């Protein structure tokens, strides 16, 4: 299983949980949780960087992660 398939699967589950909690009346909505849409992919890119540390192309993965985390 590729990393991208795993990433999009986990991403879809997290979005589904957020939407379900909002429907149940809990104070979780887009107003409170939109930063996680930037934080989670950024942390994923950083994880890929550390998994590929020492291999070619590692810095190319680190840059998008840094940009998505620092734009909050």
C-alpha atoms as a PDB file:
ATOM      1  CA  UNK A   1       0.000   0.000   0.000  1.00  0.00           C
ATOM      2  CA  UNK A   2       1.445   3.347  -0.971  1.00  0.00           C
ATOM      3  CA  UNK A   3       1.905   6.238   1.425  1.00  0.00           C
ATOM      4  CA  UNK A   4      -0.454   8.449  -0.593  1.00  0.00           C
ATOM      5  CA  UNK A   5      -3.309   5.960  -0.378  1.00  0.00           C
ATOM      6  CA  UNK A   6      -2.812   5.736   3.361  1.00  0.00           C
ATOM      7  CA  UNK A   7      -2.638   9.521   3.676  1.00  0.00           C
ATOM      8  CA  UNK A   8      -5.876  10.131   1.756  1.00  0.00           C
ATOM      9  CA  UNK A   9      -7.640   7.364   3.669  1.00  0.00           C
ATOM     10  CA  UNK A  10      -6.691   8.827   7.038  1.00  0.00           C
ATOM     11  CA  UNK A  11      -7.542  12.325   5.780  1.00  0.00           C
ATOM     12  CA  UNK A  12     -11.033  11.204   4.701  1.00  0.00           C
ATOM     13  CA  UNK A  13     -11.627   9.508   8.068  1.00  0.00           C
ATOM     14  CA  UNK A  14     -10.617  12.643   9.981  1.00  0.00           C
ATOM     15  CA  UNK A  15     -12.931  14.828   7.872  1.00  0.00           C
ATOM     16  CA  UNK A  16     -15.750  12.331   8.419  1.00  0.00           C
ATOM     17  CA  UNK A  17     -15.221  12.381  12.187  1.00  0.00           C
ATOM     18  CA  UNK A  18     -15.252  16.189  12.239  1.00  0.00           C
ATOM     19  CA  UNK A  19     -18.469  16.328  10.223  1.00  0.00           C
ATOM     20  CA  UNK A  20     -20.133  13.646  12.368  1.00  0.00           C
ATOM     21  CA  UNK A  21     -19.253  15.401  15.620  1.00  0.00           C
ATOM     22  CA  UNK A  22     -20.697  18.623  14.204  1.00  0.00           C
ATOM     23  CA  UNK A  23     -23.955  16.850  13.350  1.00  0.00           C
ATOM     24  CA  UNK A  24     -24.169  15.493  16.901  1.00  0.00           C
ATOM     25  CA  UNK A  25     -24.233  19.028  18.250  1.00  0.00           C
ATOM     26  CA  UNK A  26     -20.727  19.094  19.684  1.00  0.00           C
ATOM     27  CA  UNK A  27     -18.835  22.384  19.318  1.00  0.00           C
ATOM     28  CA  UNK A  28     -16.642  21.041  16.533  1.00  0.00           C
ATOM     29  CA  UNK A  29     -17.030  22.748  13.199  1.00  0.00           C
ATOM     30  CA  UNK A  30     -15.032  24.309  10.439  1.00  0.00           C
ATOM     31  CA  UNK A  31     -14.567  27.462  12.492  1.00  0.00           C
ATOM     32  CA  UNK A  32     -12.657  25.519  15.139  1.00  0.00           C
ATOM     33  CA  UNK A  33     -10.993  22.834  13.088  1.00  0.00           C
ATOM     34  CA  UNK A  34      -9.806  24.409   9.816  1.00  0.00           C
ATOM     35  CA  UNK A  35      -6.195  24.747  11.070  1.00  0.00           C
ATOM     36  CA  UNK A  36      -6.007  20.949  11.279  1.00  0.00           C
ATOM     37  CA  UNK A  37      -6.553  20.820   7.510  1.00  0.00           C
ATOM     38  CA  UNK A  38      -3.172  22.530   7.192  1.00  0.00           C
ATOM     39  CA  UNK A  39      -1.434  20.992  10.182  1.00  0.00           C
ATOM     40  CA  UNK A  40      -2.079  17.319   9.414  1.00  0.00           C
ATOM     41  CA  UNK A  41      -0.687  17.333   5.838  1.00  0.00           C
ATOM     42  CA  UNK A  42       2.289  19.404   7.003  1.00  0.00           C
ATOM     43  CA  UNK A  43       3.125  16.885   9.703  1.00  0.00           C
ATOM     44  CA  UNK A  44       2.694  14.093   7.172  1.00  0.00           C
ATOM     45  CA  UNK A  45       5.256  15.744   4.862  1.00  0.00           C
ATOM     46  CA  UNK A  46       7.662  16.119   7.777  1.00  0.00           C
ATOM     47  CA  UNK A  47       7.187  12.437   8.607  1.00  0.00           C
ATOM     48  CA  UNK A  48       8.001  11.525   5.010  1.00  0.00           C
ATOM     49  CA  UNK A  49      11.119  13.690   5.203  1.00  0.00           C
ATOM     50  CA  UNK A  50      12.388  11.879   8.292  1.00  0.00           C
ATOM     51  CA  UNK A  51      11.501   8.503   6.763  1.00  0.00           C
ATOM     52  CA  UNK A  52      13.559   9.364   3.644  1.00  0.00           C
ATOM     53  CA  UNK A  53      16.354  11.161   5.483  1.00  0.00           C
ATOM     54  CA  UNK A  54      19.619  10.659   3.652  1.00  0.00           C
ATOM     55  CA  UNK A  55      17.930   9.791   0.356  1.00  0.00           C
ATOM     56  CA  UNK A  56      17.611  11.973  -2.706  1.00  0.00           C
ATOM     57  CA  UNK A  57      14.580  14.273  -2.772  1.00  0.00           C
ATOM     58  CA  UNK A  58      14.154  14.538   0.976  1.00  0.00           C
ATOM     59  CA  UNK A  59      14.375  18.324   1.085  1.00  0.00           C
ATOM     60  CA  UNK A  60      11.696  18.568  -1.604  1.00  0.00           C
ATOM     61  CA  UNK A  61       9.288  16.892   0.788  1.00  0.00           C
ATOM     62  CA  UNK A  62      10.263  19.070   3.738  1.00  0.00           C
ATOM     63  CA  UNK A  63       9.453  22.380   2.049  1.00  0.00           C
ATOM     64  CA  UNK A  64       5.685  21.853   1.437  1.00  0.00           C
ATOM     65  CA  UNK A  65       5.326  20.582   5.012  1.00  0.00           C
ATOM     66  CA  UNK A  66       7.005  23.671   6.402  1.00  0.00           C
ATOM     67  CA  UNK A  67       4.877  25.999   4.280  1.00  0.00           C
ATOM     68  CA  UNK A  68       1.576  24.372   5.283  1.00  0.00           C
ATOM     69  CA  UNK A  69       2.435  24.377   8.987  1.00  0.00           C
ATOM     70  CA  UNK A  70       3.671  27.965   9.131  1.00  0.00           C
ATOM     71  CA  UNK A  71       0.761  29.496   7.174  1.00  0.00           C
ATOM     72  CA  UNK A  72      -1.618  29.077  10.080  1.00  0.00           C
END
